[in-house]
Amino acid sequence: MVFSSITFLFTFLPLTLILYFLVPKCLKNTVLFVMSLIFYAWGEPVYVVLMLFSTVWDYAMGRCIDTNLKQGRKGRARIFLIVTIVVNLGLLGFFKYADFVIATINMIPGVSLPLLNLPLPIGISFYTFQTMSYSIDLYRGDVKVQKNIISFGTYVTLFPQLIAGPIVRMKTIAEELNHREESYDLFSQGVRRFAIGLGKKVLLANNIGMIFSEVAKMDLQSVPVLTAWIGILAYTFQIYFDFSGYSDMAIGLGKMFGFHFPENFNYPYTSKSITEFWRRWHISLSTWFKEYVYIPLGGNRRGMPKQIRNILIVWLLTGLWHGANWNFIAWGLLFGVLLLCEKLFLLRLLEKVPGILRRTYVMFFVILSWALFSANSLGEGWKFLRAMFGGFGQPFADAGSVYLLTTNLILFLILIIGSTTIPRRICEKIGNRLSSRPVVDAVAQNILIYAILISSVAFLVTSSYNPFLYFRF
């Protein structure tokens, strides 16, 4: 089940909200836990067992870590920490990377091992990282042990951010797990944020995504250069509005239930360096790798050679986290190399360049990276890159590419403006002017939200195109 579905909007979410606000406070986490399991089991009933195992396992290991720390046996607590990390990474590796490893081994001449063909549990990368962060933070003393298994289960399975983030760490919502306060104001904020996210996903990402799907089906060795660029630009906007829209919906749902999830996107396409881009894109993932991989490896504290090593390790793992394929590894290492170049010399040069050129540089490499990321294999990604630069001897444009551009030009302009701070600044100006007339301001906001919701539902009812981009995560 996904948020942008009629079943979720008109059955699951209303039923969950009714149950949640009807039961006494002591049962609210139970409702969230049970409904989150139903949400996950809706599409993958078998793998809900895996999620329950992870929940019970990490809860038990957390209690063991806490008990040994309180008894002054830090060495034994460290053993429990290592064991729980190994089990978590083992499950993730088995279900997500087993076939990748087997296929890689099969590249050796004479080797032909059968693939396991295991379906990937949706969201396993997200909830695995969440449970691991809890164990690590507990060992570090950054968070208190969670003694209530229902509360811990709610943290692991919480449906608003279960299958596509943001990655929420226990220390972020530990207090709210058992002592949160719901309010009309927070609920209304949540509804508005959810509606905006739904609009970004359904009205913008889905519409532009159809263009990318159309181009991706073409013979890339014969498509004009302009068509290839239109296709990858479409994907560039699709993945941003889809992913940021999903994060908005998750944050909005969290507020409806009294939670405050961290922001996950901050207008990344306005960045003036790749370093800045990764402070603004998928913030919760970048923060996770920084705190649990980069800094423990030594960060930038042990000289430049080790810093280079640490950055490349982080970005190799970042690529692998996104998918079990060589194109994701290449995608991660591309950003690792770019970040190293900026750290070594490029940032100093960029500071002397006009802002528009810096943004152009960022978007050029980000767009190239999406050609790798969107592909099903490294070879397919390389073929798309070649097509973008006329590597097959194809013409720059033809009547079809010109038609594709002109018929979607307005949509592209909307997406370009929508990925900047311009809409927010306009809304803030209007809000400031209407601040002395709160009733008019409230009515205007409600009309806008209703318009987005109605338009989104109408699109979902009439269109069959509603992809879920996170099935590989």
Protein backbone atom coordinates (compact mmCIF):
# COMPACT_ATOMS: atom_id res chain seq x y z
CA MET A 1 0.00 0.00 0.00
CA VAL A 2 1.24 3.50 -0.82
CA PHE A 3 0.02 6.91 0.29
CA SER A 4 -0.97 7.94 -3.24
CA SER A 5 -3.66 5.30 -3.58
CA ILE A 6 -7.43 5.42 -3.24
CA THR A 7 -7.33 2.53 -0.75
CA PHE A 8 -5.00 4.42 1.58
CA LEU A 9 -6.74 7.80 1.26
CA PHE A 10 -10.32 6.62 1.70
CA THR A 11 -10.05 3.41 3.72
CA PHE A 12 -6.82 2.83 5.62
CA LEU A 13 -6.05 6.37 6.77
CA PRO A 14 -9.59 7.32 7.89
CA LEU A 15 -9.98 4.01 9.76
CA THR A 16 -6.59 4.44 11.46
CA LEU A 17 -7.37 8.01 12.51
CA ILE A 18 -10.79 7.03 13.90
CA LEU A 19 -9.33 4.16 15.93
CA TYR A 20 -6.37 6.23 17.08
CA PHE A 21 -8.43 9.12 18.45
CA LEU A 22 -11.12 6.89 19.94
CA VAL A 23 -8.86 4.78 22.14
CA PRO A 24 -7.35 6.03 25.43
CA LYS A 25 -3.78 7.34 25.42
CA CYS A 26 -2.37 4.08 26.79
CA LEU A 27 -3.56 2.22 23.67
CA LYS A 28 -2.56 4.72 20.97
CA ASN A 29 0.80 3.07 20.30
CA THR A 30 -0.92 -0.30 20.09
CA VAL A 31 -3.25 1.04 17.40
CA LEU A 32 -0.31 2.50 15.46
CA PHE A 33 1.69 -0.72 15.80
CA VAL A 34 -1.13 -2.98 14.62
CA MET A 35 -2.21 -0.68 11.80
CA SER A 36 1.41 -0.27 10.67
CA LEU A 37 1.75 -4.04 10.41
CA ILE A 38 -1.47 -4.19 8.37
CA PHE A 39 -0.16 -1.37 6.16
CA TYR A 40 3.05 -3.31 5.46
CA ALA A 41 1.35 -6.69 5.14
CA TRP A 42 -1.10 -5.29 2.60
CA GLY A 43 1.46 -5.76 -0.16
CA GLU A 44 3.89 -8.18 1.49
CA PRO A 45 2.12 -10.43 4.02
CA VAL A 46 5.04 -12.89 4.20
CA TYR A 47 7.68 -10.29 4.99
CA VAL A 48 5.76 -8.89 7.93
CA VAL A 49 7.26 -11.88 9.78
CA LEU A 50 10.73 -10.56 8.96
CA MET A 51 9.78 -7.15 10.31
CA LEU A 52 8.41 -8.68 13.52
CA PHE A 53 11.61 -10.68 13.94
CA SER A 54 13.71 -7.52 13.52
CA THR A 55 11.52 -5.75 16.05
CA VAL A 56 11.78 -8.46 18.71
CA TRP A 57 15.47 -9.07 18.04
CA ASP A 58 16.53 -5.43 18.30
CA TYR A 59 14.34 -4.89 21.34
CA ALA A 60 15.93 -7.86 23.12
CA MET A 61 19.46 -6.86 22.11
CA GLY A 62 18.77 -3.33 23.30
CA ARG A 63 17.79 -4.64 26.73
CA CYS A 64 20.97 -6.74 26.84
CA ILE A 65 23.15 -3.77 25.86
CA ASP A 66 21.50 -1.58 28.49
CA THR A 67 21.77 -4.20 31.25
CA ASN A 68 25.47 -4.77 30.66
CA LEU A 69 26.24 -1.06 30.45
CA LYS A 70 24.51 -0.49 33.80
CA GLN A 71 26.55 -3.31 35.30
CA GLY A 72 29.77 -1.76 34.03
CA ARG A 73 30.43 -4.53 31.51
CA LYS A 74 31.00 -2.36 28.48
CA GLY A 75 32.96 -5.07 26.66
CA ARG A 76 30.03 -7.47 26.83
CA ALA A 77 27.64 -4.70 25.79
CA ARG A 78 29.88 -4.09 22.79
CA ILE A 79 29.60 -7.78 21.86
CA PHE A 80 25.80 -7.57 21.91
CA LEU A 81 26.02 -4.41 19.77
CA ILE A 82 28.24 -6.15 17.22
CA VAL A 83 25.95 -9.19 17.15
CA THR A 84 22.81 -7.13 16.54
CA ILE A 85 24.52 -5.11 13.79
CA VAL A 86 25.76 -8.31 12.12
CA VAL A 87 22.26 -9.85 12.21
CA ASN A 88 20.64 -6.68 10.84
CA LEU A 89 23.18 -6.30 8.06
CA GLY A 90 23.00 -10.05 7.42
CA LEU A 91 19.24 -9.91 6.83
CA LEU A 92 19.60 -6.82 4.65
CA GLY A 93 22.46 -8.39 2.72
CA PHE A 94 20.67 -11.69 2.19
CA PHE A 95 17.40 -10.29 0.90
CA LYS A 96 18.81 -7.32 -0.99
CA TYR A 97 22.26 -8.33 -2.20
CA ALA A 98 22.37 -12.14 -2.45
CA ASP A 99 21.51 -12.23 -6.16
CA PHE A 100 23.89 -9.34 -6.84
CA VAL A 101 26.76 -11.27 -5.25
CA ILE A 102 25.80 -14.47 -7.09
CA ALA A 103 25.56 -12.63 -10.43
CA THR A 104 28.96 -11.07 -9.80
CA ILE A 105 30.49 -14.49 -9.04
CA ASN A 106 28.85 -15.84 -12.20
CA MET A 107 30.97 -13.41 -14.21
CA ILE A 108 33.90 -15.77 -13.55
CA PRO A 109 34.29 -18.06 -16.60
CA GLY A 110 32.83 -21.50 -15.97
CA VAL A 111 30.76 -20.44 -12.94
CA SER A 112 26.97 -20.57 -13.21
CA LEU A 113 25.31 -20.46 -9.81
CA PRO A 114 21.49 -20.29 -9.71
CA LEU A 115 19.98 -17.01 -8.57
CA LEU A 116 17.72 -17.02 -5.52
CA ASN A 117 15.22 -14.57 -7.08
CA LEU A 118 14.05 -13.37 -3.68
CA PRO A 119 11.46 -10.58 -3.70
CA LEU A 120 12.90 -7.51 -1.98
CA PRO A 121 11.07 -6.56 1.24
CA ILE A 122 9.98 -2.98 0.58
CA GLY A 123 11.58 -0.45 2.89
CA ILE A 124 14.03 -2.93 4.43
CA SER A 125 16.91 -0.46 4.00
CA PHE A 126 14.99 2.22 5.89
CA TYR A 127 13.85 0.23 8.91
CA THR A 128 17.17 -1.63 9.16
CA PHE A 129 19.03 1.66 9.44
CA GLN A 130 16.53 2.86 12.04
CA THR A 131 16.96 -0.17 14.28
CA MET A 132 20.74 -0.09 13.91
CA SER A 133 20.86 3.57 14.90
CA TYR A 134 18.88 2.74 18.05
CA SER A 135 21.37 0.03 19.11
CA ILE A 136 24.37 2.24 18.38
CA ASP A 137 22.92 5.28 20.15
CA LEU A 138 21.99 3.10 23.13
CA TYR A 139 25.56 1.83 23.38
CA ARG A 140 26.89 5.39 23.10
CA GLY A 141 24.53 6.60 25.81
CA ASP A 142 22.73 8.98 23.45
CA VAL A 143 19.32 7.43 24.06
CA LYS A 144 17.59 5.55 26.88
CA VAL A 145 16.59 1.94 26.51
CA GLN A 146 13.03 1.36 25.33
CA LYS A 147 11.47 -1.08 27.82
CA ASN A 148 8.00 -1.17 26.28
CA ILE A 149 8.06 -3.55 23.32
CA ILE A 150 4.86 -2.07 21.85
CA SER A 151 6.43 1.39 21.86
CA PHE A 152 9.59 0.00 20.30
CA GLY A 153 7.53 -1.87 17.72
CA THR A 154 5.71 1.35 16.92
CA TYR A 155 9.07 3.05 16.32
CA VAL A 156 10.24 0.31 13.94
CA THR A 157 7.01 -0.16 11.99
CA LEU A 158 5.54 3.37 12.06
CA PHE A 159 3.74 3.43 8.71
CA PRO A 160 4.13 7.14 7.82
CA GLN A 161 7.87 6.74 7.21
CA LEU A 162 8.19 2.96 7.00
CA ILE A 163 8.83 2.35 3.31
CA ALA A 164 10.47 5.54 2.03
CA GLY A 165 11.71 7.54 5.00
CA PRO A 166 12.75 9.93 6.26
CA ILE A 167 15.03 7.76 8.40
CA VAL A 168 13.90 8.58 11.94
CA ARG A 169 16.28 7.85 14.81
CA MET A 170 15.03 6.88 18.23
CA LYS A 171 16.64 9.88 19.93
CA THR A 172 14.61 12.15 17.64
CA ILE A 173 11.20 10.83 18.74
CA ALA A 174 11.99 8.95 21.98
CA GLU A 175 10.04 11.37 24.14
CA GLU A 176 7.11 11.49 21.70
CA LEU A 177 6.76 7.71 21.58
CA ASN A 178 5.14 7.68 25.02
CA HIS A 179 4.45 11.32 25.88
CA ARG A 180 3.35 13.08 22.71
CA GLU A 181 0.54 15.60 22.64
CA GLU A 182 -1.91 15.75 19.74
CA SER A 183 -3.65 19.04 18.97
CA TYR A 184 -6.00 20.55 16.41
CA ASP A 185 -3.28 22.94 15.28
CA LEU A 186 -0.71 20.18 14.80
CA PHE A 187 -3.28 18.01 13.03
CA SER A 188 -4.21 20.81 10.63
CA GLN A 189 -0.51 21.42 9.92
CA GLY A 190 -0.20 17.72 9.16
CA VAL A 191 -3.15 17.74 6.77
CA ARG A 192 -1.73 20.72 4.88
CA ARG A 193 1.72 19.16 4.64
CA PHE A 194 0.26 15.83 3.52
CA ALA A 195 -1.87 17.52 0.84
CA ILE A 196 1.12 19.41 -0.53
CA GLY A 197 3.15 16.21 -0.66
CA LEU A 198 0.32 14.32 -2.35
CA GLY A 199 0.06 17.06 -4.97
CA LYS A 200 3.81 16.97 -5.62
CA LYS A 201 3.69 13.21 -6.08
CA VAL A 202 0.47 12.83 -8.06
CA LEU A 203 0.12 16.07 -10.04
CA LEU A 204 3.79 16.80 -10.74
CA ALA A 205 5.94 13.66 -10.37
CA ASN A 206 3.48 11.29 -12.03
CA ASN A 207 2.81 13.59 -14.98
CA ILE A 208 6.45 14.26 -15.74
CA GLY A 209 7.29 10.62 -15.03
CA MET A 210 5.16 9.51 -17.97
CA ILE A 211 7.52 11.41 -20.28
CA PHE A 212 10.55 9.63 -18.88
CA SER A 213 8.82 6.25 -19.19
CA GLU A 214 8.02 7.03 -22.82
CA VAL A 215 11.63 7.97 -23.62
CA ALA A 216 13.12 5.04 -21.67
CA LYS A 217 11.17 2.60 -23.86
CA MET A 218 12.71 3.99 -27.04
CA ASP A 219 15.76 2.60 -28.81
CA LEU A 220 18.45 4.77 -27.21
CA GLN A 221 20.83 4.19 -30.11
CA SER A 222 18.51 6.04 -32.46
CA VAL A 223 16.75 8.68 -30.32
CA PRO A 224 17.79 12.28 -31.01
CA VAL A 225 20.00 13.98 -28.45
CA LEU A 226 17.22 16.40 -27.52
CA THR A 227 14.83 13.52 -26.81
CA ALA A 228 17.37 11.86 -24.53
CA TRP A 229 17.84 15.11 -22.60
CA ILE A 230 14.08 15.66 -22.32
CA GLY A 231 13.79 12.14 -20.91
CA ILE A 232 16.49 12.53 -18.27
CA LEU A 233 15.26 16.01 -17.33
CA ALA A 234 11.83 14.47 -16.82
CA TYR A 235 13.38 11.88 -14.49
CA THR A 236 15.31 14.61 -12.68
CA PHE A 237 12.07 16.30 -11.74
CA GLN A 238 10.15 13.06 -11.23
CA ILE A 239 12.49 11.69 -8.59
CA TYR A 240 12.67 15.01 -6.74
CA PHE A 241 8.95 15.70 -6.59
CA ASP A 242 8.17 12.02 -5.96
CA PHE A 243 10.67 11.57 -3.15
CA SER A 244 10.24 15.00 -1.54
CA GLY A 245 6.48 14.65 -1.94
CA TYR A 246 6.57 11.31 -0.14
CA SER A 247 8.67 12.88 2.65
CA ASP A 248 6.15 15.72 2.93
CA MET A 249 3.32 13.21 3.24
CA ALA A 250 5.25 11.25 5.89
CA ILE A 251 5.99 14.39 7.91
CA GLY A 252 2.37 15.46 7.59
CA LEU A 253 1.06 12.09 8.73
CA GLY A 254 3.48 12.18 11.63
CA LYS A 255 2.04 15.50 12.78
CA MET A 256 -1.48 14.11 12.61
CA PHE A 257 -0.43 11.53 15.21
CA GLY A 258 1.64 13.96 17.29
CA PHE A 259 5.13 13.19 15.93
CA HIS A 260 7.73 15.61 14.58
CA PHE A 261 9.81 13.87 11.91
CA PRO A 262 12.97 15.53 10.58
CA GLU A 263 12.98 17.38 7.28
CA ASN A 264 14.39 15.36 4.38
CA PHE A 265 14.69 17.90 1.54
CA ASN A 266 15.62 21.57 1.39
CA TYR A 267 15.42 22.74 -2.24
CA PRO A 268 18.47 20.71 -3.38
CA TYR A 269 18.24 21.86 -7.01
CA THR A 270 19.15 25.40 -5.94
CA SER A 271 22.55 24.26 -4.57
CA LYS A 272 25.78 25.94 -5.65
CA SER A 273 28.02 22.94 -5.02
CA ILE A 274 27.72 19.16 -4.82
CA THR A 275 28.65 19.42 -1.15
CA GLU A 276 25.67 21.72 -0.59
CA PHE A 277 23.45 19.47 -2.70
CA TRP A 278 24.05 16.57 -0.33
CA ARG A 279 23.22 18.75 2.65
CA ARG A 280 19.84 19.37 1.04
CA TRP A 281 18.98 16.03 -0.63
CA HIS A 282 17.77 13.03 1.44
CA ILE A 283 19.07 14.76 4.56
CA SER A 284 18.24 11.90 6.93
CA LEU A 285 20.32 9.41 4.91
CA SER A 286 23.30 11.76 4.57
CA THR A 287 23.16 12.44 8.32
CA TRP A 288 22.98 8.71 9.07
CA PHE A 289 26.09 7.89 7.04
CA LYS A 290 27.95 10.86 8.52
CA GLU A 291 27.20 9.92 12.12
CA TYR A 292 27.45 6.13 11.91
CA VAL A 293 30.10 5.56 9.21
CA TYR A 294 32.12 8.67 8.31
CA ILE A 295 32.82 9.95 11.84
CA PRO A 296 33.52 6.47 13.35
CA LEU A 297 36.02 5.86 10.53
CA GLY A 298 37.84 9.00 11.62
CA GLY A 299 36.11 11.61 9.49
CA ASN A 300 38.57 14.36 8.62
CA ARG A 301 40.61 14.02 11.81
CA ARG A 302 43.35 11.65 10.66
CA GLY A 303 44.93 13.33 7.68
CA MET A 304 43.94 13.75 4.05
CA PRO A 305 44.70 10.19 2.81
CA LYS A 306 42.35 8.64 5.38
CA GLN A 307 39.77 11.34 4.79
CA ILE A 308 39.78 10.46 1.09
CA ARG A 309 39.41 6.79 2.03
CA ASN A 310 36.51 7.58 4.38
CA ILE A 311 34.65 9.64 1.78
CA LEU A 312 35.00 6.94 -0.87
CA ILE A 313 33.82 4.24 1.58
CA VAL A 314 30.78 6.31 2.55
CA TRP A 315 29.80 6.91 -1.06
CA LEU A 316 30.41 3.34 -2.09
CA LEU A 317 28.03 2.30 0.70
CA THR A 318 25.57 5.07 -0.21
CA GLY A 319 25.41 3.74 -3.75
CA LEU A 320 24.95 0.16 -2.53
CA TRP A 321 22.25 1.25 -0.07
CA HIS A 322 20.15 2.52 -2.97
CA GLY A 323 20.26 -0.70 -4.94
CA ALA A 324 22.03 -3.98 -5.59
CA ASN A 325 23.54 -3.17 -8.95
CA TRP A 326 26.73 -1.79 -10.41
CA ASN A 327 25.03 1.33 -11.73
CA PHE A 328 24.23 2.36 -8.14
CA ILE A 329 27.85 1.78 -7.15
CA ALA A 330 28.98 3.95 -10.08
CA TRP A 331 26.41 6.58 -9.09
CA GLY A 332 27.70 6.66 -5.51
CA LEU A 333 31.36 6.77 -6.51
CA LEU A 334 30.65 9.59 -8.99
CA PHE A 335 29.42 11.74 -6.13
CA GLY A 336 32.30 10.57 -3.95
CA VAL A 337 34.83 11.74 -6.55
CA LEU A 338 33.01 15.06 -7.06
CA LEU A 339 32.92 15.70 -3.31
CA LEU A 340 36.63 14.88 -3.05
CA CYS A 341 37.42 17.30 -5.87
CA GLU A 342 35.43 20.03 -4.14
CA LYS A 343 37.13 19.35 -0.82
CA LEU A 344 40.63 19.35 -2.36
CA PHE A 345 40.42 22.36 -4.68
CA LEU A 346 37.14 22.88 -6.53
CA LEU A 347 35.20 24.69 -3.79
CA ARG A 348 37.82 27.43 -3.69
CA LEU A 349 37.48 27.90 -7.43
CA LEU A 350 33.68 27.82 -7.31
CA GLU A 351 33.62 30.69 -4.81
CA LYS A 352 34.99 32.95 -7.57
CA VAL A 353 32.33 31.89 -10.10
CA PRO A 354 28.91 33.60 -10.52
CA GLY A 355 26.04 31.82 -8.78
CA ILE A 356 24.24 30.91 -12.01
CA LEU A 357 27.32 29.06 -13.30
CA ARG A 358 27.74 27.24 -9.99
CA ARG A 359 24.13 26.07 -10.10
CA THR A 360 24.60 25.01 -13.73
CA TYR A 361 27.65 22.95 -12.74
CA VAL A 362 25.69 21.24 -9.95
CA MET A 363 22.67 20.43 -12.10
CA PHE A 364 24.83 19.17 -14.97
CA PHE A 365 26.45 16.50 -12.83
CA VAL A 366 23.24 15.73 -10.91
CA ILE A 367 21.43 15.12 -14.21
CA LEU A 368 24.27 12.90 -15.43
CA SER A 369 24.06 10.95 -12.18
CA TRP A 370 20.31 10.35 -12.64
CA ALA A 371 21.06 8.71 -16.00
CA LEU A 372 23.00 6.07 -14.06
CA PHE A 373 20.54 5.93 -11.17
CA SER A 374 17.44 5.46 -13.31
CA ALA A 375 18.89 2.54 -15.26
CA ASN A 376 18.43 -1.16 -14.59
CA SER A 377 22.11 -1.87 -15.18
CA LEU A 378 25.43 -0.09 -15.61
CA GLY A 379 25.40 -0.86 -19.31
CA GLU A 380 21.95 0.63 -19.73
CA GLY A 381 23.00 3.73 -17.82
CA TRP A 382 26.09 4.14 -19.98
CA LYS A 383 23.92 3.77 -23.10
CA PHE A 384 21.65 6.58 -21.88
CA LEU A 385 24.68 8.81 -21.25
CA ARG A 386 25.99 8.11 -24.75
CA ALA A 387 22.60 8.97 -26.25
CA MET A 388 22.60 12.29 -24.37
CA PHE A 389 25.82 13.32 -26.13
CA GLY A 390 25.19 11.88 -29.59
CA GLY A 391 27.43 8.91 -28.97
CA PHE A 392 25.56 6.76 -31.48
CA GLY A 393 25.74 9.30 -34.30
CA GLN A 394 22.08 10.24 -33.98
CA PRO A 395 20.80 13.74 -34.91
CA PHE A 396 20.38 16.52 -32.34
CA ALA A 397 16.61 16.76 -32.85
CA ASP A 398 13.75 15.68 -35.05
CA ALA A 399 10.06 16.49 -35.33
CA GLY A 400 9.22 14.07 -32.51
CA SER A 401 11.65 15.61 -30.02
CA VAL A 402 10.51 19.14 -30.87
CA TYR A 403 6.87 18.08 -30.38
CA LEU A 404 7.76 16.41 -27.06
CA LEU A 405 9.43 19.59 -25.85
CA THR A 406 6.79 22.08 -26.98
CA THR A 407 3.83 20.08 -25.65
CA ASN A 408 5.44 19.77 -22.21
CA LEU A 409 7.19 23.14 -21.98
CA ILE A 410 4.65 24.62 -19.54
CA LEU A 411 4.93 21.56 -17.29
CA PHE A 412 8.73 21.85 -17.30
CA LEU A 413 8.49 25.54 -16.37
CA ILE A 414 6.13 24.72 -13.49
CA LEU A 415 8.56 22.07 -12.26
CA ILE A 416 11.58 24.37 -12.52
CA ILE A 417 9.82 27.08 -10.51
CA GLY A 418 8.40 24.52 -8.08
CA SER A 419 11.86 23.18 -7.25
CA THR A 420 13.00 26.62 -6.08
CA THR A 421 12.01 28.76 -3.10
CA ILE A 422 9.85 31.03 -5.28
CA PRO A 423 6.48 29.40 -4.41
CA ARG A 424 7.31 29.51 -0.69
CA ARG A 425 8.32 33.17 -0.84
CA ILE A 426 5.12 34.05 -2.71
CA CYS A 427 3.00 32.23 -0.11
CA GLU A 428 4.86 33.99 2.71
CA LYS A 429 4.23 37.40 1.10
CA ILE A 430 0.55 36.66 0.67
CA GLY A 431 0.39 35.36 4.26
CA ASN A 432 2.04 38.55 5.56
CA ARG A 433 -0.46 40.71 3.70
CA LEU A 434 -3.36 38.68 5.05
CA SER A 435 -1.99 38.48 8.60
CA SER A 436 -4.37 41.23 9.70
CA ARG A 437 -7.28 39.27 8.23
CA PRO A 438 -6.89 35.76 9.69
CA VAL A 439 -10.29 34.54 8.49
CA VAL A 440 -9.51 35.42 4.88
CA ASP A 441 -6.05 33.86 5.25
CA ALA A 442 -7.52 30.62 6.63
CA VAL A 443 -10.16 30.44 3.89
CA ALA A 444 -7.54 31.00 1.16
CA GLN A 445 -5.30 28.28 2.59
CA ASN A 446 -8.19 25.83 2.86
CA ILE A 447 -9.33 26.50 -0.70
CA LEU A 448 -5.80 25.79 -1.95
CA ILE A 449 -5.54 22.57 0.07
CA TYR A 450 -8.96 21.35 -1.08
CA ALA A 451 -8.05 22.13 -4.69
CA ILE A 452 -4.84 20.09 -4.42
CA LEU A 453 -6.62 17.17 -2.74
CA ILE A 454 -9.52 17.10 -5.21
CA SER A 455 -7.20 17.39 -8.22
CA SER A 456 -4.94 14.64 -6.87
CA VAL A 457 -7.84 12.26 -6.24
CA ALA A 458 -9.26 13.00 -9.69
CA PHE A 459 -5.89 12.14 -11.24
CA LEU A 460 -5.62 8.91 -9.26
CA VAL A 461 -9.12 7.86 -10.32
CA THR A 462 -8.58 8.57 -14.02
CA SER A 463 -4.93 7.57 -14.46
CA SER A 464 -3.31 4.15 -14.16
CA TYR A 465 0.22 5.62 -13.95
CA ASN A 466 1.24 5.76 -10.30
CA PRO A 467 4.74 4.22 -9.94
CA PHE A 468 6.44 3.46 -6.65
CA LEU A 469 10.10 4.46 -7.08
CA TYR A 470 11.38 2.99 -3.82
CA PHE A 471 10.89 -0.71 -4.48
CA ARG A 472 14.67 -1.11 -4.89
CA PHE A 473 15.42 0.51 -1.51
